[in-house]
Amino acid sequence: MNVIAHIRTDYHQKFGIPRNAGLAAETQGVIVFEPEYANPEAVRGLEEFSHLWLLWQFENTDRDHWRPTVRPPRLGGSRRMGVFATRSPFRPNPIGLSCVRLDRVEIIDGVPYVHVLGADLRDNTPIYDIKPYLPFADCHPEANGGWIDHEPWQALEVDFPEEELSKVATEKQAGLIGALEQDPRPPLQDDPEKEYAMAFASYNVKFTVDKDTLHVTKVEPLDENTFEFEL
């Protein structure tokens, strides 16, 4: 398969990326096409849809030693499920599928850029394909969620002091808070004294988690030599 584009997002590391698309609904992303596919005719009519399917490539996973079972974070990392009964990135083929909300299609100097919201992709992830979400075919209100339906989960409350929140650009605040609500911590970590650091946009966000509340302790600039921020 050919990579048709890359997506630019505020997630520079695996740590902190929501575990499904749409959970941090205001997170911004921009799909930047490869030159061969950067033709405005290829996105004609796309702006009429509200949501899109993205087919993309998982990175940094070992395909030579895949396992038939994985430990889903939703189960706390303590129980195993069959890989095909999960959305784990550790799969025989490195293919991801995400449903995102279309914000707008922008044409700059004859080159299309697709702005989306709610993506669960790391910055610069390769995109294989873009397809419109069709409610009449893709929406199944009667569907059940399998074992996930039996594992209740609740978003964290985010305690974000105003003096720290004010350091974050206004247009980035909702996306950051949405990502923090999803509890970025690895499974089986529940130390209220431990401070974590999450890279988001041009910020290094430090926080602790005590029971159902995430407390932001510090917002600092990221090292510009490590990450690229410009979308």
C-alpha atoms as a PDB file:
ATOM      1  CA  MET A   1       0.000   0.000   0.000  1.00  0.00           C
ATOM      2  CA  ASN A   2       1.100   3.562  -0.660  1.00  0.00           C
ATOM      3  CA  VAL A   3       1.223   6.237   2.023  1.00  0.00           C
ATOM      4  CA  ILE A   4      -0.947   9.071   0.717  1.00  0.00           C
ATOM      5  CA  ALA A   5      -0.407  11.567   3.543  1.00  0.00           C
ATOM      6  CA  HIS A   6       0.829  12.196   7.061  1.00  0.00           C
ATOM      7  CA  ILE A   7      -1.189  13.683   9.889  1.00  0.00           C
ATOM      8  CA  ARG A   8       0.183  16.446  12.095  1.00  0.00           C
ATOM      9  CA  THR A   9      -1.152  16.325  15.647  1.00  0.00           C
ATOM     10  CA  ASP A  10      -0.217  17.618  19.089  1.00  0.00           C
ATOM     11  CA  TYR A  11       0.794  14.141  20.292  1.00  0.00           C
ATOM     12  CA  HIS A  12       4.563  13.722  19.990  1.00  0.00           C
ATOM     13  CA  GLN A  13       4.821  10.489  21.990  1.00  0.00           C
ATOM     14  CA  LYS A  14       2.709   7.390  22.513  1.00  0.00           C
ATOM     15  CA  PHE A  15       2.216   8.473  26.139  1.00  0.00           C
ATOM     16  CA  GLY A  16      -0.875  10.652  26.391  1.00  0.00           C
ATOM     17  CA  ILE A  17      -2.615   9.638  23.160  1.00  0.00           C
ATOM     18  CA  PRO A  18      -6.287   8.769  23.830  1.00  0.00           C
ATOM     19  CA  ARG A  19      -6.939   5.047  23.454  1.00  0.00           C
ATOM     20  CA  ASN A  20      -9.674   5.615  20.884  1.00  0.00           C
ATOM     21  CA  ALA A  21     -10.568   8.344  18.415  1.00  0.00           C
ATOM     22  CA  GLY A  22     -13.134  10.904  19.507  1.00  0.00           C
ATOM     23  CA  LEU A  23     -12.466  10.606  23.244  1.00  0.00           C
ATOM     24  CA  ALA A  24     -10.544  13.889  23.255  1.00  0.00           C
ATOM     25  CA  ALA A  25     -12.996  15.431  20.810  1.00  0.00           C
ATOM     26  CA  GLU A  26     -11.333  18.853  20.438  1.00  0.00           C
ATOM     27  CA  THR A  27      -7.815  17.629  19.673  1.00  0.00           C
ATOM     28  CA  GLN A  28      -6.685  19.218  16.404  1.00  0.00           C
ATOM     29  CA  GLY A  29      -5.044  17.466  13.487  1.00  0.00           C
ATOM     30  CA  VAL A  30      -4.119  18.330   9.896  1.00  0.00           C
ATOM     31  CA  ILE A  31      -3.730  15.759   7.113  1.00  0.00           C
ATOM     32  CA  VAL A  32      -0.881  16.766   4.794  1.00  0.00           C
ATOM     33  CA  PHE A  33      -0.827  14.906   1.481  1.00  0.00           C
ATOM     34  CA  GLU A  34       2.221  13.486  -0.240  1.00  0.00           C
ATOM     35  CA  PRO A  35       2.983  15.441  -3.460  1.00  0.00           C
ATOM     36  CA  GLU A  36       1.607  12.681  -5.677  1.00  0.00           C
ATOM     37  CA  TYR A  37      -1.801  12.892  -3.975  1.00  0.00           C
ATOM     38  CA  ALA A  38      -1.916  16.624  -3.171  1.00  0.00           C
ATOM     39  CA  ASN A  39      -4.568  17.305  -5.789  1.00  0.00           C
ATOM     40  CA  PRO A  40      -7.624  19.375  -4.794  1.00  0.00           C
ATOM     41  CA  GLU A  41      -9.741  17.267  -7.149  1.00  0.00           C
ATOM     42  CA  ALA A  42      -9.109  14.256  -4.886  1.00  0.00           C
ATOM     43  CA  VAL A  43     -10.992  15.924  -1.998  1.00  0.00           C
ATOM     44  CA  ARG A  44     -13.840  17.373  -4.050  1.00  0.00           C
ATOM     45  CA  GLY A  45     -17.073  16.874  -2.057  1.00  0.00           C
ATOM     46  CA  LEU A  46     -15.263  15.820   1.125  1.00  0.00           C
ATOM     47  CA  GLU A  47     -16.376  18.955   3.011  1.00  0.00           C
ATOM     48  CA  GLU A  48     -19.988  17.768   2.775  1.00  0.00           C
ATOM     49  CA  PHE A  49     -19.321  14.989   5.295  1.00  0.00           C
ATOM     50  CA  SER A  50     -19.153  15.475   9.067  1.00  0.00           C
ATOM     51  CA  HIS A  51     -16.892  12.499   9.882  1.00  0.00           C
ATOM     52  CA  LEU A  52     -14.142  10.513   8.162  1.00  0.00           C
ATOM     53  CA  TRP A  53     -12.517   7.107   8.458  1.00  0.00           C
ATOM     54  CA  LEU A  54      -8.724   7.135   8.498  1.00  0.00           C
ATOM     55  CA  LEU A  55      -6.672   4.048   7.661  1.00  0.00           C
ATOM     56  CA  TRP A  56      -3.174   4.503   9.000  1.00  0.00           C
ATOM     57  CA  GLN A  57       0.083   2.838   9.941  1.00  0.00           C
ATOM     58  CA  PHE A  58       1.077   1.851  13.458  1.00  0.00           C
ATOM     59  CA  GLU A  59       4.723   2.582  14.229  1.00  0.00           C
ATOM     60  CA  ASN A  60       7.349   1.276  16.647  1.00  0.00           C
ATOM     61  CA  THR A  61       5.844  -2.192  17.067  1.00  0.00           C
ATOM     62  CA  ASP A  62       7.591  -5.502  16.439  1.00  0.00           C
ATOM     63  CA  ARG A  63       5.745  -7.467  13.729  1.00  0.00           C
ATOM     64  CA  ASP A  64       8.101 -10.444  13.863  1.00  0.00           C
ATOM     65  CA  HIS A  65       7.018 -11.471  17.347  1.00  0.00           C
ATOM     66  CA  TRP A  66       3.286 -10.839  17.464  1.00  0.00           C
ATOM     67  CA  ARG A  67       1.262 -12.654  20.134  1.00  0.00           C
ATOM     68  CA  PRO A  68      -2.280 -14.014  19.951  1.00  0.00           C
ATOM     69  CA  THR A  69      -3.224 -12.285  23.214  1.00  0.00           C
ATOM     70  CA  VAL A  70      -2.621  -8.773  24.593  1.00  0.00           C
ATOM     71  CA  ARG A  71      -3.269  -6.905  27.843  1.00  0.00           C
ATOM     72  CA  PRO A  72      -5.798  -4.120  27.104  1.00  0.00           C
ATOM     73  CA  PRO A  73      -5.393  -0.930  29.188  1.00  0.00           C
ATOM     74  CA  ARG A  74      -9.168  -0.967  29.732  1.00  0.00           C
ATOM     75  CA  LEU A  75      -8.635  -4.121  31.810  1.00  0.00           C
ATOM     76  CA  GLY A  76      -5.861  -2.486  33.790  1.00  0.00           C
ATOM     77  CA  GLY A  77      -3.156  -4.418  31.998  1.00  0.00           C
ATOM     78  CA  SER A  78      -3.761  -7.425  34.252  1.00  0.00           C
ATOM     79  CA  ARG A  79      -5.938  -9.610  31.997  1.00  0.00           C
ATOM     80  CA  ARG A  80      -5.434 -10.951  28.502  1.00  0.00           C
ATOM     81  CA  MET A  81      -7.751 -10.866  25.513  1.00  0.00           C
ATOM     82  CA  GLY A  82      -7.331 -12.158  21.975  1.00  0.00           C
ATOM     83  CA  VAL A  83      -5.585  -9.591  19.805  1.00  0.00           C
ATOM     84  CA  PHE A  84      -8.485  -9.614  17.337  1.00  0.00           C
ATOM     85  CA  ALA A  85     -10.910  -8.817  20.178  1.00  0.00           C
ATOM     86  CA  THR A  86      -8.997  -5.579  20.901  1.00  0.00           C
ATOM     87  CA  ARG A  87      -7.678  -2.477  19.169  1.00  0.00           C
ATOM     88  CA  SER A  88      -4.147  -3.013  20.401  1.00  0.00           C
ATOM     89  CA  PRO A  89      -1.367  -1.694  18.124  1.00  0.00           C
ATOM     90  CA  PHE A  90       0.533  -4.980  18.581  1.00  0.00           C
ATOM     91  CA  ARG A  91      -1.040  -6.811  15.657  1.00  0.00           C
ATOM     92  CA  PRO A  92       0.178  -8.999  12.776  1.00  0.00           C
ATOM     93  CA  ASN A  93      -0.322  -6.076  10.368  1.00  0.00           C
ATOM     94  CA  PRO A  94       0.379  -2.449  11.363  1.00  0.00           C
ATOM     95  CA  ILE A  95      -3.004  -1.059  10.285  1.00  0.00           C
ATOM     96  CA  GLY A  96      -4.981   1.410  12.410  1.00  0.00           C
ATOM     97  CA  LEU A  97      -8.561   2.576  11.891  1.00  0.00           C
ATOM     98  CA  SER A  98      -9.966   5.809  13.349  1.00  0.00           C
ATOM     99  CA  CYS A  99     -13.193   7.749  12.932  1.00  0.00           C
ATOM    100  CA  VAL A 100     -12.548  11.498  13.201  1.00  0.00           C
ATOM    101  CA  ARG A 101     -14.661  14.610  12.874  1.00  0.00           C
ATOM    102  CA  LEU A 102     -14.019  16.776   9.821  1.00  0.00           C
ATOM    103  CA  ASP A 103     -13.357  20.379  10.772  1.00  0.00           C
ATOM    104  CA  ARG A 104     -12.677  21.841   7.322  1.00  0.00           C
ATOM    105  CA  VAL A 105     -10.916  21.321   4.017  1.00  0.00           C
ATOM    106  CA  GLU A 106      -8.453  24.066   3.199  1.00  0.00           C
ATOM    107  CA  ILE A 107      -6.822  24.729  -0.169  1.00  0.00           C
ATOM    108  CA  ILE A 108      -3.568  26.694   0.027  1.00  0.00           C
ATOM    109  CA  ASP A 109      -1.730  27.495  -3.232  1.00  0.00           C
ATOM    110  CA  GLY A 110      -3.603  24.679  -4.917  1.00  0.00           C
ATOM    111  CA  VAL A 111      -2.683  22.107  -2.228  1.00  0.00           C
ATOM    112  CA  PRO A 112      -5.427  20.536  -0.057  1.00  0.00           C
ATOM    113  CA  TYR A 113      -5.146  20.252   3.728  1.00  0.00           C
ATOM    114  CA  VAL A 114      -7.777  18.315   5.691  1.00  0.00           C
ATOM    115  CA  HIS A 115      -8.359  19.575   9.246  1.00  0.00           C
ATOM    116  CA  VAL A 116      -9.838  17.012  11.641  1.00  0.00           C
ATOM    117  CA  LEU A 117     -10.801  16.807  15.319  1.00  0.00           C
ATOM    118  CA  GLY A 118     -10.551  13.957  17.802  1.00  0.00           C
ATOM    119  CA  ALA A 119      -7.746  11.968  16.157  1.00  0.00           C
ATOM    120  CA  ASP A 120      -5.898   9.385  18.263  1.00  0.00           C
ATOM    121  CA  LEU A 121      -2.747   9.438  16.132  1.00  0.00           C
ATOM    122  CA  ARG A 122       0.791  10.425  16.948  1.00  0.00           C
ATOM    123  CA  ASP A 123       2.275  13.366  15.098  1.00  0.00           C
ATOM    124  CA  ASN A 124       3.481  12.495  11.583  1.00  0.00           C
ATOM    125  CA  THR A 125       1.648   9.153  11.421  1.00  0.00           C
ATOM    126  CA  PRO A 126       1.435   7.822   7.839  1.00  0.00           C
ATOM    127  CA  ILE A 127      -2.089   7.719   6.362  1.00  0.00           C
ATOM    128  CA  TYR A 128      -3.038   4.989   3.877  1.00  0.00           C
ATOM    129  CA  ASP A 129      -6.538   6.157   3.019  1.00  0.00           C
ATOM    130  CA  ILE A 130      -9.396   8.540   3.835  1.00  0.00           C
ATOM    131  CA  LYS A 131     -13.024   7.487   3.456  1.00  0.00           C
ATOM    132  CA  PRO A 132     -16.248   9.320   4.352  1.00  0.00           C
ATOM    133  CA  TYR A 133     -18.231   8.046   7.326  1.00  0.00           C
ATOM    134  CA  LEU A 134     -21.725   7.069   6.133  1.00  0.00           C
ATOM    135  CA  PRO A 135     -24.349   7.071   8.923  1.00  0.00           C
ATOM    136  CA  PHE A 136     -26.803   4.858   7.014  1.00  0.00           C
ATOM    137  CA  ALA A 137     -24.179   2.123   6.628  1.00  0.00           C
ATOM    138  CA  ASP A 138     -21.644   2.703   9.405  1.00  0.00           C
ATOM    139  CA  CYS A 139     -23.898   3.534  12.363  1.00  0.00           C
ATOM    140  CA  HIS A 140     -25.359   0.555  14.248  1.00  0.00           C
ATOM    141  CA  PRO A 141     -27.277   1.758  17.342  1.00  0.00           C
ATOM    142  CA  GLU A 142     -28.143  -1.836  18.262  1.00  0.00           C
ATOM    143  CA  ALA A 143     -24.481  -2.919  18.428  1.00  0.00           C
ATOM    144  CA  ASN A 144     -22.972  -4.155  21.692  1.00  0.00           C
ATOM    145  CA  GLY A 145     -19.445  -3.486  22.893  1.00  0.00           C
ATOM    146  CA  GLY A 146     -18.449  -7.034  23.841  1.00  0.00           C
ATOM    147  CA  TRP A 147     -16.264  -7.353  26.922  1.00  0.00           C
ATOM    148  CA  ILE A 148     -15.802  -3.567  27.040  1.00  0.00           C
ATOM    149  CA  ASP A 149     -19.463  -3.164  28.007  1.00  0.00           C
ATOM    150  CA  HIS A 150     -18.658  -5.020  31.231  1.00  0.00           C
ATOM    151  CA  GLU A 151     -15.722  -2.788  32.142  1.00  0.00           C
ATOM    152  CA  PRO A 152     -17.175   0.587  33.213  1.00  0.00           C
ATOM    153  CA  TRP A 153     -14.807   3.477  32.811  1.00  0.00           C
ATOM    154  CA  GLN A 154     -15.168   7.129  33.765  1.00  0.00           C
ATOM    155  CA  ALA A 155     -13.160  10.131  32.624  1.00  0.00           C
ATOM    156  CA  LEU A 156     -10.967  11.823  35.206  1.00  0.00           C
ATOM    157  CA  GLU A 157     -11.795  15.214  36.624  1.00  0.00           C
ATOM    158  CA  VAL A 158      -9.001  17.618  35.669  1.00  0.00           C
ATOM    159  CA  ASP A 159      -7.822  20.151  38.238  1.00  0.00           C
ATOM    160  CA  PHE A 160      -6.002  22.697  36.086  1.00  0.00           C
ATOM    161  CA  PRO A 161      -4.863  25.807  38.038  1.00  0.00           C
ATOM    162  CA  GLU A 162      -5.618  28.981  36.095  1.00  0.00           C
ATOM    163  CA  GLU A 163      -2.018  30.204  36.302  1.00  0.00           C
ATOM    164  CA  GLU A 164      -0.871  27.027  34.515  1.00  0.00           C
ATOM    165  CA  LEU A 165      -3.776  26.835  32.060  1.00  0.00           C
ATOM    166  CA  SER A 166      -3.073  30.415  30.976  1.00  0.00           C
ATOM    167  CA  LYS A 167       0.321  29.240  29.660  1.00  0.00           C
ATOM    168  CA  VAL A 168      -1.481  27.119  27.035  1.00  0.00           C
ATOM    169  CA  ALA A 169      -2.715  28.751  23.827  1.00  0.00           C
ATOM    170  CA  THR A 170      -6.493  29.203  23.979  1.00  0.00           C
ATOM    171  CA  GLU A 171      -7.117  27.067  20.879  1.00  0.00           C
ATOM    172  CA  LYS A 172      -5.159  24.181  22.447  1.00  0.00           C
ATOM    173  CA  GLN A 173      -6.757  24.161  25.899  1.00  0.00           C
ATOM    174  CA  ALA A 174      -9.861  22.058  25.155  1.00  0.00           C
ATOM    175  CA  GLY A 175      -7.836  19.396  23.337  1.00  0.00           C
ATOM    176  CA  LEU A 176      -5.290  19.172  26.153  1.00  0.00           C
ATOM    177  CA  ILE A 177      -7.930  18.896  28.861  1.00  0.00           C
ATOM    178  CA  GLY A 178      -9.759  16.250  26.837  1.00  0.00           C
ATOM    179  CA  ALA A 179      -6.573  14.187  26.551  1.00  0.00           C
ATOM    180  CA  LEU A 180      -5.851  14.503  30.279  1.00  0.00           C
ATOM    181  CA  GLU A 181      -9.392  13.373  31.120  1.00  0.00           C
ATOM    182  CA  GLN A 182      -8.618  10.038  29.431  1.00  0.00           C
ATOM    183  CA  ASP A 183      -5.941   9.218  32.046  1.00  0.00           C
ATOM    184  CA  PRO A 184      -2.627   9.027  30.146  1.00  0.00           C
ATOM    185  CA  ARG A 185      -0.992   6.826  32.795  1.00  0.00           C
ATOM    186  CA  PRO A 186       0.116   3.303  31.897  1.00  0.00           C
ATOM    187  CA  PRO A 187      -1.986   0.479  33.369  1.00  0.00           C
ATOM    188  CA  LEU A 188      -1.268  -0.696  36.914  1.00  0.00           C
ATOM    189  CA  GLN A 189       0.149   2.672  37.963  1.00  0.00           C
ATOM    190  CA  ASP A 190      -1.779   4.230  40.822  1.00  0.00           C
ATOM    191  CA  ASP A 191       0.683   6.178  42.955  1.00  0.00           C
ATOM    192  CA  PRO A 192      -0.849   9.561  43.938  1.00  0.00           C
ATOM    193  CA  GLU A 193       2.632  10.902  44.718  1.00  0.00           C
ATOM    194  CA  LYS A 194       4.133  10.104  41.313  1.00  0.00           C
ATOM    195  CA  GLU A 195       4.466  13.031  38.892  1.00  0.00           C
ATOM    196  CA  TYR A 196       4.048  12.308  35.185  1.00  0.00           C
ATOM    197  CA  ALA A 197       5.036  14.431  32.176  1.00  0.00           C
ATOM    198  CA  MET A 198       3.071  14.525  28.923  1.00  0.00           C
ATOM    199  CA  ALA A 199       4.207  16.186  25.696  1.00  0.00           C
ATOM    200  CA  PHE A 200       1.347  18.047  24.011  1.00  0.00           C
ATOM    201  CA  ALA A 201       1.716  20.627  21.232  1.00  0.00           C
ATOM    202  CA  SER A 202       4.593  22.878  22.367  1.00  0.00           C
ATOM    203  CA  TYR A 203       4.114  22.093  26.066  1.00  0.00           C
ATOM    204  CA  ASN A 204       5.429  19.672  28.652  1.00  0.00           C
ATOM    205  CA  VAL A 205       2.522  19.121  31.045  1.00  0.00           C
ATOM    206  CA  LYS A 206       3.278  17.661  34.473  1.00  0.00           C
ATOM    207  CA  PHE A 207       0.564  16.112  36.625  1.00  0.00           C
ATOM    208  CA  THR A 208      -0.357  13.707  39.404  1.00  0.00           C
ATOM    209  CA  VAL A 209      -3.475  11.564  39.762  1.00  0.00           C
ATOM    210  CA  ASP A 210      -5.261  10.979  43.061  1.00  0.00           C
ATOM    211  CA  LYS A 211      -8.224   8.611  42.755  1.00  0.00           C
ATOM    212  CA  ASP A 212     -10.584  10.169  40.171  1.00  0.00           C
ATOM    213  CA  THR A 213      -8.862  13.568  39.893  1.00  0.00           C
ATOM    214  CA  LEU A 214      -5.876  14.564  37.775  1.00  0.00           C
ATOM    215  CA  HIS A 215      -3.973  17.549  39.187  1.00  0.00           C
ATOM    216  CA  VAL A 216      -1.866  19.576  36.751  1.00  0.00           C
ATOM    217  CA  THR A 217       1.243  20.717  38.614  1.00  0.00           C
ATOM    218  CA  LYS A 218       3.267  22.509  35.931  1.00  0.00           C
ATOM    219  CA  VAL A 219       3.177  23.561  32.278  1.00  0.00           C
ATOM    220  CA  GLU A 220       6.576  24.146  30.685  1.00  0.00           C
ATOM    221  CA  PRO A 221       7.819  24.739  27.125  1.00  0.00           C
ATOM    222  CA  LEU A 222       8.981  21.630  25.293  1.00  0.00           C
ATOM    223  CA  ASP A 223      12.532  21.392  24.051  1.00  0.00           C
ATOM    224  CA  GLU A 224      12.262  22.680  20.480  1.00  0.00           C
ATOM    225  CA  ASN A 225      15.259  20.544  19.494  1.00  0.00           C
ATOM    226  CA  THR A 226      13.263  17.400  20.217  1.00  0.00           C
ATOM    227  CA  PHE A 227       9.887  18.012  18.613  1.00  0.00           C
ATOM    228  CA  GLU A 228       8.321  19.892  15.725  1.00  0.00           C
ATOM    229  CA  PHE A 229       5.189  21.821  16.592  1.00  0.00           C
ATOM    230  CA  GLU A 230       4.024  23.573  13.488  1.00  0.00           C
ATOM    231  CA  LEU A 231       0.883  22.070  11.951  1.00  0.00           C
END
